Amino acid sequence: MRWTHMHLTTLSRSPAGMILAIALSAAGFTLRAADAPPVSPPPAAQPAPVVNPTPVQVENSVVKVFATMRYPDMMKPWTKQAPTEATGTGIVIEGKRILTNAHVVLYASQVQVQANQAGDKLSATVVAIAPGIDLAVLKLDDESFFETHAPLARATVLPEIKDTVLAYGFPAGGNSLSITKGIISRIEFMPYNFPVWGLRIQIDAAINPGNSGGPALVGDKMIGVAFSHLGNADNIGYIIPCEEVDLFLADVASGVYDGKPAMFDDLQTLENDALRAYLKLDKSVQGIVVHEPFHNTPDYPLKKWDVITKIADTPVDDQGMIKLPGTYLRVRFQYLIQKKAANGHIPLTVFRAGKFVTVDLPVSSDRPLVMRDLHGSYPPYFVFGPLVFSTATMQYAGGFGSNAGLMNMLSFAHSPLITRRSDPPAFDGEELVIVSSPFFPHKLSKGYSNPMSQVVKSVNGTPIKNLHHLVEVLRDSTAEFLAFEFDNRGGETPVVRRREALEATEEILGDNGVRAQGSPDTMAVWNEKRAVK
């Protein structure tokens, strides 16, 4: 069975003192000042009572989010797709902010929020977004809204399995606030959006499109944010726990989202007896095996066949799992990276060549790939004659999944879009430059086959490093002819007269309604020292 996540919008497509006080109170202690008389303080000195929020108070902190999306058009990078209307849910949090899912407002050109049972929509701005962990923060143009809509309190500990949970949101099927009830089914450390992992709570309360960004409550506290459900399955919904929310909010407090640290080494379990014998391990050694280090350089701290036995001071078992302190939960050991990493490193204990060794592993929030993620930006492009060049991205390659014919063609041609999809850059700055679109209609392309989705290997024998490099080569060339070699089996090598292509570009742009020859970054390169020669 393959597990898939659905984004839940209406898109048709698709605190430590308090803890201590509570603990002492539970043990039978009464806390008061050392010199205070054993009498009740006067009313004026009493602390404000803790009042559990009523359903009405909770509902007052939940808003409906309206977004107008302008997604990139990967095949026409000079434009955007037609506007798409979407709705989701948001939660009032501290700092006069609203928390929601990233996918509710990603690529939004307009965002509005509406309180429960209110008639007005208020304009909002996305001030922080993390597509990887699927969280975003909104600010309102009119902050007087928060005078009557208090933030919702968040839990400081994970819920228990079988706890009763209520999910609030504005799903499809109606306009008013919906509340569904269920239980906490399980808590795991799982993938979110590549390459991000995080804690994830599964619930059986109904979550449907439009619930995205809504709160889930156990008792009087929010325990997380609804973000998805398992496609083709009943009563399996997922919550981003408050622990992940707090990490995100702490990160964006600086104004910049840095991301969650992680390790990207390939690992395998140590459950097989033959594997243990092969590695000459006695029963006292437990841990997870390094199948392939993320880097093979001599100075990289992990080596092939290392057995990671501890992360920080916590033992790792033969399945790569650890026990969460104070619970019976077991989660993947990588969970501790986001808790224990400091200054970009995490301490590990490994068993290597018959002895235990302590290493300091570098961790990062980003896994570099030759085909990068757009992270909510629009693809760069450059038009030269009838050709449109862009950068291969995860979003571009992701579009092949629904086109079996194109996948087969690219596989047969041994295209780097297939063979290098998970590769890191071979050198700093490497990108795959593609012809993102079919030829624009023009006599310059007469007799040539459609080069769409082919990777540019070289121009006149000069290997192309990235899109900016391609623009430089085209800008600086004095050759009469330009030959574009593609990185694949078979196919053709289109050749154009350089001056004819230069002269035809403006005409082609006008005929096809393209407002700019390139994206701002490529045009900066093109105009840097451009001279028609």
Protein backbone atom coordinates (compact mmCIF):
# COMPACT_ATOMS: atom_id res chain seq x y z
CA MET A 1 0.00 0.00 0.00
CA ARG A 2 1.32 3.42 -0.83
CA TRP A 3 0.62 6.25 1.62
CA THR A 4 -0.15 9.61 0.13
CA HIS A 5 -1.02 12.92 1.73
CA MET A 6 -3.65 15.29 0.44
CA HIS A 7 -3.45 19.01 1.07
CA LEU A 8 -6.70 19.96 2.70
CA THR A 9 -7.89 23.15 1.13
CA THR A 10 -10.88 23.48 -1.09
CA LEU A 11 -8.70 23.39 -4.16
CA SER A 12 -10.62 21.35 -6.64
CA ARG A 13 -7.39 19.50 -7.42
CA SER A 14 -6.59 18.09 -6.17
CA PRO A 15 6.18 27.54 30.21
CA ALA A 16 8.87 25.68 33.38
CA GLY A 17 7.78 27.26 36.61
CA MET A 18 4.22 26.28 36.08
CA ILE A 19 5.18 22.68 35.43
CA LEU A 20 7.18 22.54 38.66
CA ALA A 21 4.30 24.05 40.62
CA ILE A 22 1.88 21.53 39.23
CA ALA A 23 4.22 18.66 40.02
CA LEU A 24 4.73 19.80 43.60
CA SER A 25 1.05 20.37 44.08
CA ALA A 26 0.31 16.86 42.88
CA ALA A 27 2.79 15.56 45.45
CA GLY A 28 0.89 17.31 48.27
CA PHE A 29 3.00 20.43 48.70
CA THR A 30 1.54 23.91 49.10
CA LEU A 31 3.62 26.72 47.66
CA ARG A 32 3.78 30.09 49.48
CA ALA A 33 6.42 32.63 50.40
CA ALA A 34 8.75 31.55 53.22
CA ASP A 35 7.79 34.51 55.46
CA ALA A 36 4.08 34.51 54.67
CA PRO A 37 1.61 33.75 57.46
CA PRO A 38 -0.43 30.59 57.02
CA VAL A 39 -3.57 32.48 56.13
CA SER A 40 -5.27 33.17 52.88
CA PRO A 41 -4.03 36.33 51.20
CA PRO A 42 -6.44 39.21 50.77
CA PRO A 43 -8.43 39.18 47.57
CA ALA A 44 -6.30 41.87 45.97
CA ALA A 45 -3.18 39.68 46.29
CA GLN A 46 -4.73 36.56 44.83
CA PRO A 47 -3.48 35.46 41.40
CA ALA A 48 -5.91 35.48 38.56
CA PRO A 49 -7.81 32.20 38.49
CA VAL A 50 -7.05 29.73 35.73
CA VAL A 51 -10.18 29.51 33.65
CA ASN A 52 -10.55 26.74 31.14
CA PRO A 53 -11.69 28.12 27.82
CA THR A 54 -15.30 27.46 27.04
CA PRO A 55 -16.31 26.16 23.61
CA VAL A 56 -17.37 29.70 22.73
CA GLN A 57 -13.92 31.06 23.65
CA VAL A 58 -12.23 28.41 21.54
CA GLU A 59 -14.49 29.11 18.60
CA ASN A 60 -13.71 32.82 18.95
CA SER A 61 -10.02 32.03 18.37
CA VAL A 62 -10.58 30.07 15.15
CA VAL A 63 -10.85 31.89 11.83
CA LYS A 64 -11.58 30.96 8.25
CA VAL A 65 -8.79 31.75 5.79
CA PHE A 66 -9.52 32.76 2.20
CA ALA A 67 -6.64 32.73 -0.28
CA THR A 68 -6.30 33.51 -3.96
CA MET A 69 -3.42 31.47 -5.37
CA ARG A 70 -1.27 32.22 -8.40
CA TYR A 71 0.76 29.07 -8.84
CA PRO A 72 3.77 28.99 -11.18
CA ASP A 73 3.30 27.54 -14.63
CA MET A 74 6.29 25.21 -14.93
CA MET A 75 5.88 24.81 -18.69
CA LYS A 76 5.45 28.58 -19.22
CA PRO A 77 7.79 30.08 -16.61
CA TRP A 78 7.25 33.63 -17.90
CA THR A 79 3.68 33.57 -16.58
CA LYS A 80 1.55 32.24 -13.71
CA GLN A 81 -1.39 29.94 -13.67
CA ALA A 82 -4.90 31.39 -13.53
CA PRO A 83 -6.05 32.49 -10.06
CA THR A 84 -7.35 29.70 -7.86
CA GLU A 85 -9.58 30.28 -4.85
CA ALA A 86 -8.92 28.24 -1.71
CA THR A 87 -10.05 28.20 1.88
CA GLY A 88 -8.57 26.85 5.09
CA THR A 89 -8.54 27.51 8.82
CA GLY A 90 -6.38 29.63 11.11
CA ILE A 91 -5.76 30.02 14.84
CA VAL A 92 -5.21 33.22 16.82
CA ILE A 93 -1.88 32.96 18.65
CA GLU A 94 0.21 35.28 20.82
CA GLY A 95 1.79 38.38 19.28
CA LYS A 96 -1.36 39.40 17.39
CA ARG A 97 -0.78 36.71 14.81
CA ILE A 98 -2.68 33.92 13.11
CA LEU A 99 -1.22 30.47 12.59
CA THR A 100 -2.20 28.29 9.65
CA ASN A 101 -0.76 25.73 7.25
CA ALA A 102 1.76 26.79 4.63
CA HIS A 103 -0.15 25.05 1.86
CA VAL A 104 -3.22 27.18 2.63
CA VAL A 105 -1.39 30.40 1.66
CA LEU A 106 1.55 29.28 -0.50
CA TYR A 107 1.66 31.37 -3.68
CA ALA A 108 -1.26 33.46 -2.41
CA SER A 109 -1.63 36.85 -4.07
CA GLN A 110 -4.43 37.78 -1.65
CA VAL A 111 -5.24 36.48 1.85
CA GLN A 112 -8.27 37.32 3.99
CA VAL A 113 -9.57 35.98 7.29
CA GLN A 114 -13.05 35.86 8.73
CA ALA A 115 -13.96 35.21 12.34
CA ASN A 116 -16.54 32.58 13.20
CA GLN A 117 -20.07 33.93 12.72
CA ALA A 118 -18.69 37.26 11.46
CA GLY A 119 -19.67 38.99 8.23
CA ASP A 120 -16.49 40.90 7.41
CA LYS A 121 -13.29 39.60 5.85
CA LEU A 122 -10.05 41.21 6.99
CA SER A 123 -6.97 41.56 4.81
CA ALA A 124 -3.94 39.57 5.94
CA THR A 125 -0.29 39.22 4.96
CA VAL A 126 1.93 36.16 5.10
CA VAL A 127 4.89 37.13 7.31
CA ALA A 128 6.51 33.72 7.79
CA ILE A 129 6.16 30.45 5.94
CA ALA A 130 7.79 27.01 6.10
CA PRO A 131 6.52 24.70 3.35
CA GLY A 132 8.65 21.83 4.69
CA ILE A 133 6.86 21.61 8.05
CA ASP A 134 3.70 23.11 6.50
CA LEU A 135 3.25 26.10 8.82
CA ALA A 136 2.74 29.80 8.20
CA VAL A 137 2.07 32.97 10.19
CA LEU A 138 -0.27 35.75 9.12
CA LYS A 139 -0.53 39.36 10.25
CA LEU A 140 -3.70 41.43 9.91
CA ASP A 141 -3.79 44.95 8.49
CA ASP A 142 -6.31 45.84 11.23
CA GLU A 143 -4.93 44.57 14.53
CA SER A 144 -7.96 45.79 16.52
CA PHE A 145 -9.38 42.35 15.67
CA PHE A 146 -7.22 40.86 18.42
CA GLU A 147 -8.86 43.01 21.10
CA THR A 148 -11.88 40.72 20.95
CA HIS A 149 -10.23 37.49 19.78
CA ALA A 150 -7.81 36.05 22.33
CA PRO A 151 -4.98 33.66 21.48
CA LEU A 152 -5.59 29.97 22.00
CA ALA A 153 -3.44 28.34 24.71
CA ARG A 154 -1.09 25.59 23.50
CA ALA A 155 -0.18 22.40 25.37
CA THR A 156 3.40 22.09 26.57
CA VAL A 157 3.49 18.29 26.53
CA LEU A 158 2.41 15.68 24.05
CA PRO A 159 -1.03 14.15 24.50
CA GLU A 160 -1.52 10.52 25.49
CA ILE A 161 -2.64 7.81 23.13
CA LYS A 162 -6.44 7.38 23.38
CA ASP A 163 -6.95 10.95 24.64
CA THR A 164 -10.19 12.44 23.35
CA VAL A 165 -9.53 15.11 20.76
CA LEU A 166 -11.71 17.77 19.13
CA ALA A 167 -10.81 19.14 15.69
CA TYR A 168 -12.05 22.61 14.75
CA GLY A 169 -12.17 23.97 11.23
CA PHE A 170 -14.09 25.10 8.20
CA PRO A 171 -14.18 22.03 5.95
CA ALA A 172 -16.11 21.66 2.72
CA GLY A 173 -19.81 20.98 3.00
CA GLY A 174 -20.86 24.12 4.86
CA ASN A 175 -19.90 27.61 5.89
CA SER A 176 -19.99 27.59 9.69
CA LEU A 177 -17.39 26.20 12.07
CA SER A 178 -17.25 22.41 12.21
CA ILE A 179 -16.19 20.41 15.27
CA THR A 180 -15.39 16.70 15.02
CA LYS A 181 -14.49 14.30 17.81
CA GLY A 182 -12.11 11.37 18.00
CA ILE A 183 -9.08 10.00 19.83
CA ILE A 184 -5.31 10.22 19.56
CA SER A 185 -4.36 7.11 17.59
CA ARG A 186 -0.55 7.32 17.49
CA ILE A 187 2.42 9.68 17.64
CA GLU A 188 5.44 9.19 15.39
CA PHE A 189 8.44 10.99 13.91
CA MET A 190 7.72 10.91 10.19
CA PRO A 191 8.41 12.72 6.89
CA TYR A 192 6.54 15.90 6.09
CA ASN A 193 7.50 17.61 2.84
CA PHE A 194 10.94 16.53 1.56
CA PRO A 195 13.42 16.67 3.18
CA VAL A 196 11.74 17.67 6.47
CA TRP A 197 10.82 15.19 9.21
CA GLY A 198 8.92 15.93 12.39
CA LEU A 199 6.61 14.63 15.08
CA ARG A 200 3.18 13.80 13.77
CA ILE A 201 -0.01 12.98 15.65
CA GLN A 202 -2.59 10.71 14.07
CA ILE A 203 -6.23 11.12 15.05
CA ASP A 204 -9.44 9.47 13.95
CA ALA A 205 -11.57 12.63 14.12
CA ALA A 206 -12.76 13.56 10.64
CA ILE A 207 -10.46 15.99 8.84
CA ASN A 208 -11.49 17.16 5.41
CA PRO A 209 -10.50 19.79 2.85
CA GLY A 210 -10.76 23.18 4.58
CA ASN A 211 -9.76 21.85 8.02
CA SER A 212 -6.12 22.63 7.18
CA GLY A 213 -4.64 24.99 9.76
CA GLY A 214 -7.38 24.39 12.32
CA PRO A 215 -6.67 23.51 15.96
CA ALA A 216 -7.03 20.15 17.61
CA LEU A 217 -7.77 20.28 21.35
CA VAL A 218 -7.38 17.83 24.19
CA GLY A 219 -9.14 19.24 27.23
CA ASP A 220 -8.60 22.98 27.36
CA LYS A 221 -5.36 23.14 25.35
CA MET A 222 -4.54 23.05 21.68
CA ILE A 223 -2.34 20.02 21.02
CA GLY A 224 -1.63 20.75 17.37
CA VAL A 225 -2.67 21.96 13.94
CA ALA A 226 -4.57 19.87 11.41
CA PHE A 227 -2.72 19.52 8.11
CA SER A 228 -3.67 16.41 6.17
CA HIS A 229 -5.38 13.06 6.00
CA LEU A 230 -4.41 9.75 4.46
CA GLY A 231 -5.85 9.46 1.01
CA ASN A 232 -8.17 6.55 0.26
CA ALA A 233 -8.45 5.70 3.96
CA ASP A 234 -11.15 6.39 6.52
CA ASN A 235 -10.64 8.21 9.82
CA ILE A 236 -6.89 8.76 9.49
CA GLY A 237 -6.01 12.42 9.93
CA TYR A 238 -2.77 14.10 10.90
CA ILE A 239 -1.90 16.89 13.34
CA ILE A 240 1.29 18.96 13.59
CA PRO A 241 1.92 18.90 17.37
CA CYS A 242 2.56 22.04 19.39
CA GLU A 243 6.17 21.00 19.87
CA GLU A 244 6.74 21.46 16.15
CA VAL A 245 4.73 24.70 16.17
CA ASP A 246 6.89 26.10 18.99
CA LEU A 247 10.09 25.20 17.12
CA PHE A 248 8.78 26.98 14.04
CA LEU A 249 7.71 30.11 15.95
CA ALA A 250 11.06 30.28 17.77
CA ASP A 251 12.84 30.01 14.43
CA VAL A 252 10.87 32.79 12.71
CA ALA A 253 11.18 35.15 15.71
CA SER A 254 14.35 36.51 14.06
CA GLY A 255 12.39 37.39 10.93
CA VAL A 256 14.05 34.64 8.90
CA TYR A 257 13.14 30.97 8.80
CA ASP A 258 16.29 28.84 9.00
CA GLY A 259 14.67 25.41 9.08
CA LYS A 260 15.05 22.29 11.16
CA PRO A 261 18.47 20.62 11.44
CA ALA A 262 18.69 17.07 10.12
CA MET A 263 21.15 14.37 9.04
CA PHE A 264 20.96 12.91 5.55
CA ASP A 265 23.10 9.76 5.79
CA ASP A 266 21.65 6.48 4.50
CA LEU A 267 21.04 4.02 7.33
CA GLN A 268 19.95 0.41 7.82
CA THR A 269 18.72 -1.53 10.83
CA LEU A 270 20.86 -3.95 12.86
CA GLU A 271 18.22 -6.66 13.30
CA ASN A 272 19.70 -9.35 11.05
CA ASP A 273 21.95 -11.95 12.75
CA ALA A 274 24.17 -12.39 9.68
CA LEU A 275 24.76 -8.64 9.51
CA ARG A 276 25.74 -8.57 13.19
CA ALA A 277 28.14 -11.48 12.62
CA TYR A 278 29.60 -9.81 9.54
CA LEU A 279 30.30 -6.67 11.59
CA LYS A 280 31.67 -8.79 14.49
CA LEU A 281 29.27 -7.34 17.02
CA ASP A 282 28.37 -8.98 20.32
CA LYS A 283 24.91 -8.69 21.83
CA SER A 284 25.89 -5.70 23.96
CA VAL A 285 26.19 -3.46 20.90
CA GLN A 286 22.93 -1.99 19.72
CA GLY A 287 22.31 0.77 17.24
CA ILE A 288 21.67 1.69 13.64
CA VAL A 289 24.15 1.03 10.82
CA VAL A 290 25.52 3.68 8.47
CA HIS A 291 24.86 2.24 5.04
CA GLU A 292 26.23 5.23 3.10
CA PRO A 293 27.62 8.44 4.64
CA PHE A 294 26.16 11.66 3.32
CA HIS A 295 29.67 12.72 2.33
CA ASN A 296 32.59 10.46 1.44
CA THR A 297 35.32 13.01 2.19
CA PRO A 298 38.07 11.92 4.64
CA ASP A 299 37.09 14.57 7.20
CA TYR A 300 33.43 13.50 7.37
CA PRO A 301 32.85 12.01 10.85
CA LEU A 302 30.71 9.02 9.82
CA LYS A 303 32.06 6.05 7.86
CA LYS A 304 30.38 3.17 6.12
CA TRP A 305 29.50 0.35 8.57
CA ASP A 306 29.66 2.64 11.62
CA VAL A 307 27.04 1.65 14.19
CA ILE A 308 25.39 4.66 15.80
CA THR A 309 24.76 3.56 19.39
CA LYS A 310 23.86 6.90 21.01
CA ILE A 311 22.55 10.26 19.93
CA ALA A 312 23.74 12.76 22.53
CA ASP A 313 23.34 10.63 25.72
CA THR A 314 20.35 8.61 24.55
CA PRO A 315 20.78 4.96 23.48
CA VAL A 316 19.64 3.97 20.00
CA ASP A 317 18.16 0.50 19.47
CA ASP A 318 18.65 -1.89 16.54
CA GLN A 319 15.74 -0.33 14.65
CA GLY A 320 17.10 3.18 15.03
CA MET A 321 14.50 4.06 17.65
CA ILE A 322 14.74 5.85 21.00
CA LYS A 323 12.46 6.01 24.02
CA LEU A 324 10.91 9.39 24.70
CA PRO A 325 11.63 10.33 28.35
CA GLY A 326 8.57 10.15 30.59
CA THR A 327 6.54 8.21 28.03
CA TYR A 328 6.26 4.74 26.57
CA LEU A 329 6.62 6.14 23.04
CA ARG A 330 9.40 5.04 20.72
CA VAL A 331 10.34 7.34 17.84
CA ARG A 332 13.12 7.51 15.28
CA PHE A 333 16.38 8.67 16.84
CA GLN A 334 16.63 11.60 14.41
CA TYR A 335 13.92 13.30 16.50
CA LEU A 336 16.61 14.30 19.01
CA ILE A 337 18.52 16.27 16.39
CA GLN A 338 15.98 19.07 16.51
CA LYS A 339 16.14 18.97 20.32
CA LYS A 340 19.88 18.54 20.94
CA ALA A 341 21.71 20.06 17.97
CA ALA A 342 23.80 23.13 18.77
CA ASN A 343 25.77 25.34 16.40
CA GLY A 344 25.00 23.03 13.51
CA HIS A 345 26.33 19.84 15.15
CA ILE A 346 25.01 16.85 17.08
CA PRO A 347 27.17 14.48 19.21
CA LEU A 348 26.96 10.79 18.34
CA THR A 349 28.56 7.66 19.80
CA VAL A 350 29.49 5.10 17.16
CA PHE A 351 30.98 1.61 17.33
CA ARG A 352 33.81 1.36 14.79
CA ALA A 353 36.56 -1.22 14.40
CA GLY A 354 35.87 -2.82 17.78
CA LYS A 355 35.64 0.31 19.90
CA PHE A 356 33.28 3.15 20.76
CA VAL A 357 34.08 6.55 19.29
CA THR A 358 32.43 9.93 19.90
CA VAL A 359 31.92 12.06 16.80
CA ASP A 360 30.48 15.51 16.20
CA LEU A 361 28.20 15.29 13.20
CA PRO A 362 27.37 18.40 11.17
CA VAL A 363 23.64 18.78 10.56
CA SER A 364 21.82 21.12 8.25
CA SER A 365 18.27 22.22 7.45
CA ASP A 366 18.84 21.85 3.73
CA ARG A 367 19.69 18.81 1.66
CA PRO A 368 21.38 20.17 -1.47
CA LEU A 369 20.04 18.70 -4.68
CA VAL A 370 20.90 19.39 -8.29
CA MET A 371 17.16 19.91 -8.77
CA ARG A 372 16.23 22.30 -6.00
CA ASP A 373 12.86 23.06 -4.43
CA LEU A 374 11.29 26.40 -5.30
CA HIS A 375 10.09 26.91 -1.69
CA GLY A 376 7.28 29.21 -2.83
CA SER A 377 9.30 31.19 -5.38
CA TYR A 378 8.73 31.30 -9.12
CA PRO A 379 11.03 29.58 -11.62
CA PRO A 380 13.68 31.64 -13.43
CA TYR A 381 13.70 31.65 -17.23
CA PHE A 382 15.34 33.15 -20.31
CA VAL A 383 14.08 33.39 -23.89
CA PHE A 384 16.53 33.27 -26.77
CA GLY A 385 14.97 33.17 -30.19
CA PRO A 386 12.37 30.40 -30.24
CA LEU A 387 13.90 28.65 -27.20
CA VAL A 388 12.79 29.04 -23.56
CA PHE A 389 15.35 27.98 -20.97
CA SER A 390 14.70 27.43 -17.26
CA THR A 391 16.10 25.52 -14.28
CA ALA A 392 15.04 21.98 -13.49
CA THR A 393 13.32 21.96 -10.10
CA MET A 394 11.56 19.40 -7.96
CA GLN A 395 8.28 20.99 -8.98
CA TYR A 396 9.09 20.66 -12.68
CA ALA A 397 10.13 17.03 -12.37
CA GLY A 398 7.15 16.34 -10.12
CA GLY A 399 4.85 17.11 -13.03
CA PHE A 400 6.02 13.97 -14.85
CA GLY A 401 4.26 11.68 -12.39
CA SER A 402 0.94 12.04 -14.23
CA ASN A 403 2.48 11.66 -17.68
CA ALA A 404 3.54 8.06 -18.19
CA GLY A 405 4.47 8.64 -21.83
CA LEU A 406 6.86 11.47 -20.98
CA MET A 407 8.36 9.44 -18.12
CA ASN A 408 9.01 6.53 -20.47
CA MET A 409 10.55 8.79 -23.09
CA LEU A 410 12.87 10.48 -20.58
CA SER A 411 13.87 7.13 -19.07
CA PHE A 412 14.64 5.68 -22.51
CA ALA A 413 16.69 8.77 -23.38
CA HIS A 414 18.58 8.43 -20.08
CA SER A 415 17.67 12.03 -19.22
CA PRO A 416 19.32 13.59 -16.14
CA LEU A 417 15.80 14.63 -15.10
CA ILE A 418 15.35 10.95 -14.26
CA THR A 419 18.86 9.69 -13.54
CA ARG A 420 19.96 12.64 -11.38
CA ARG A 421 16.71 13.48 -9.64
CA SER A 422 18.08 12.72 -6.15
CA ASP A 423 21.71 13.72 -6.82
CA PRO A 424 23.52 16.50 -4.98
CA PRO A 425 25.25 19.12 -7.14
CA ALA A 426 28.48 17.78 -8.64
CA PHE A 427 30.07 21.19 -8.00
CA ASP A 428 29.11 24.47 -6.36
CA GLY A 429 26.41 26.20 -8.34
CA GLU A 430 25.49 23.28 -10.56
CA GLU A 431 21.96 23.30 -11.97
CA LEU A 432 20.28 21.38 -14.71
CA VAL A 433 19.24 23.82 -17.43
CA ILE A 434 16.21 22.68 -19.39
CA VAL A 435 14.18 23.73 -22.37
CA SER A 436 11.01 24.21 -20.37
CA SER A 437 8.58 24.73 -23.22
CA PRO A 438 7.97 23.75 -26.84
CA PHE A 439 9.56 25.93 -29.51
CA PHE A 440 7.83 29.27 -30.05
CA PRO A 441 6.45 29.27 -33.60
CA HIS A 442 9.14 30.73 -35.88
CA LYS A 443 11.07 29.81 -39.00
CA LEU A 444 14.24 29.47 -36.91
CA SER A 445 12.87 26.20 -35.51
CA LYS A 446 11.93 24.78 -38.92
CA GLY A 447 12.52 21.03 -39.14
CA TYR A 448 13.54 20.54 -35.53
CA SER A 449 11.68 18.25 -33.15
CA ASN A 450 10.14 19.58 -29.95
CA PRO A 451 13.05 19.91 -27.45
CA MET A 452 10.82 20.40 -24.40
CA SER A 453 12.18 18.90 -21.13
CA GLN A 454 15.63 18.25 -22.59
CA VAL A 455 18.67 19.17 -20.48
CA VAL A 456 21.20 21.51 -22.08
CA LYS A 457 24.62 19.89 -22.07
CA SER A 458 26.65 22.48 -23.97
CA VAL A 459 26.53 25.42 -26.35
CA ASN A 460 29.16 25.31 -29.09
CA GLY A 461 31.03 22.76 -26.99
CA THR A 462 31.04 24.86 -23.79
CA PRO A 463 29.55 22.77 -20.93
CA ILE A 464 26.69 24.63 -19.25
CA LYS A 465 26.94 24.90 -15.46
CA ASN A 466 23.66 26.63 -14.65
CA LEU A 467 21.09 29.01 -16.12
CA HIS A 468 23.10 32.14 -15.39
CA HIS A 469 26.11 30.56 -17.07
CA LEU A 470 24.03 29.78 -20.15
CA VAL A 471 22.91 33.42 -20.35
CA GLU A 472 26.55 34.52 -20.06
CA VAL A 473 27.59 32.19 -22.88
CA LEU A 474 24.82 33.45 -25.15
CA ARG A 475 25.56 37.06 -24.22
CA ASP A 476 29.28 36.86 -24.89
CA SER A 477 29.33 34.65 -27.96
CA THR A 478 30.63 36.08 -31.24
CA ALA A 479 30.10 32.89 -33.24
CA GLU A 480 27.98 32.94 -36.37
CA PHE A 481 26.15 29.78 -35.34
CA LEU A 482 25.02 28.45 -31.97
CA ALA A 483 24.67 24.68 -31.54
CA PHE A 484 22.70 23.44 -28.53
CA GLU A 485 23.72 19.95 -27.40
CA PHE A 486 21.33 18.09 -25.10
CA ASP A 487 22.26 15.55 -22.42
CA ASN A 488 20.40 12.48 -23.59
CA ARG A 489 20.53 9.51 -25.94
CA GLY A 490 19.41 10.25 -29.44
CA GLY A 491 17.56 13.42 -30.27
CA GLU A 492 18.84 16.37 -32.25
CA THR A 493 21.21 19.33 -31.99
CA PRO A 494 19.35 22.51 -32.92
CA VAL A 495 21.57 25.07 -34.63
CA VAL A 496 20.58 28.71 -35.09
CA ARG A 497 22.29 31.76 -36.51
CA ARG A 498 23.15 33.87 -33.49
CA ARG A 499 22.29 37.25 -35.02
CA GLU A 500 19.00 35.97 -36.43
CA ALA A 501 18.04 34.63 -33.01
CA LEU A 502 18.90 37.95 -31.39
CA GLU A 503 16.86 39.90 -33.91
CA ALA A 504 13.89 37.52 -33.76
CA THR A 505 13.58 37.47 -29.97
CA GLU A 506 11.63 40.74 -29.61
CA GLU A 507 9.23 39.71 -32.36
CA ILE A 508 8.70 36.31 -30.75
CA LEU A 509 8.06 37.86 -27.35
CA GLY A 510 5.46 40.22 -28.78
CA ASP A 511 3.71 37.57 -30.85
CA ASN A 512 3.36 35.29 -27.83
CA GLY A 513 2.44 37.87 -25.20
CA VAL A 514 5.64 37.44 -23.20
CA ARG A 515 6.32 40.69 -21.35
CA ALA A 516 9.99 40.11 -20.47
CA GLN A 517 12.76 38.17 -22.15
CA GLY A 518 13.82 36.72 -18.82
CA SER A 519 13.22 36.71 -15.10
CA PRO A 520 14.87 39.60 -13.19
CA ASP A 521 17.90 37.51 -12.21
CA THR A 522 18.69 36.32 -15.73
CA MET A 523 18.09 39.77 -17.21
CA ALA A 524 20.59 41.22 -14.73
CA VAL A 525 23.17 38.80 -16.16
CA TRP A 526 22.14 39.48 -19.78
CA ASN A 527 22.38 43.26 -19.37
CA GLU A 528 25.58 43.28 -17.34
CA LYS A 529 27.87 43.84 -20.31
CA ARG A 530 25.67 43.00 -23.22
CA ALA A 531 26.94 44.07 -26.59
CA VAL A 532 25.50 43.01 -29.94
CA LYS A 533 28.49 41.92 -31.96
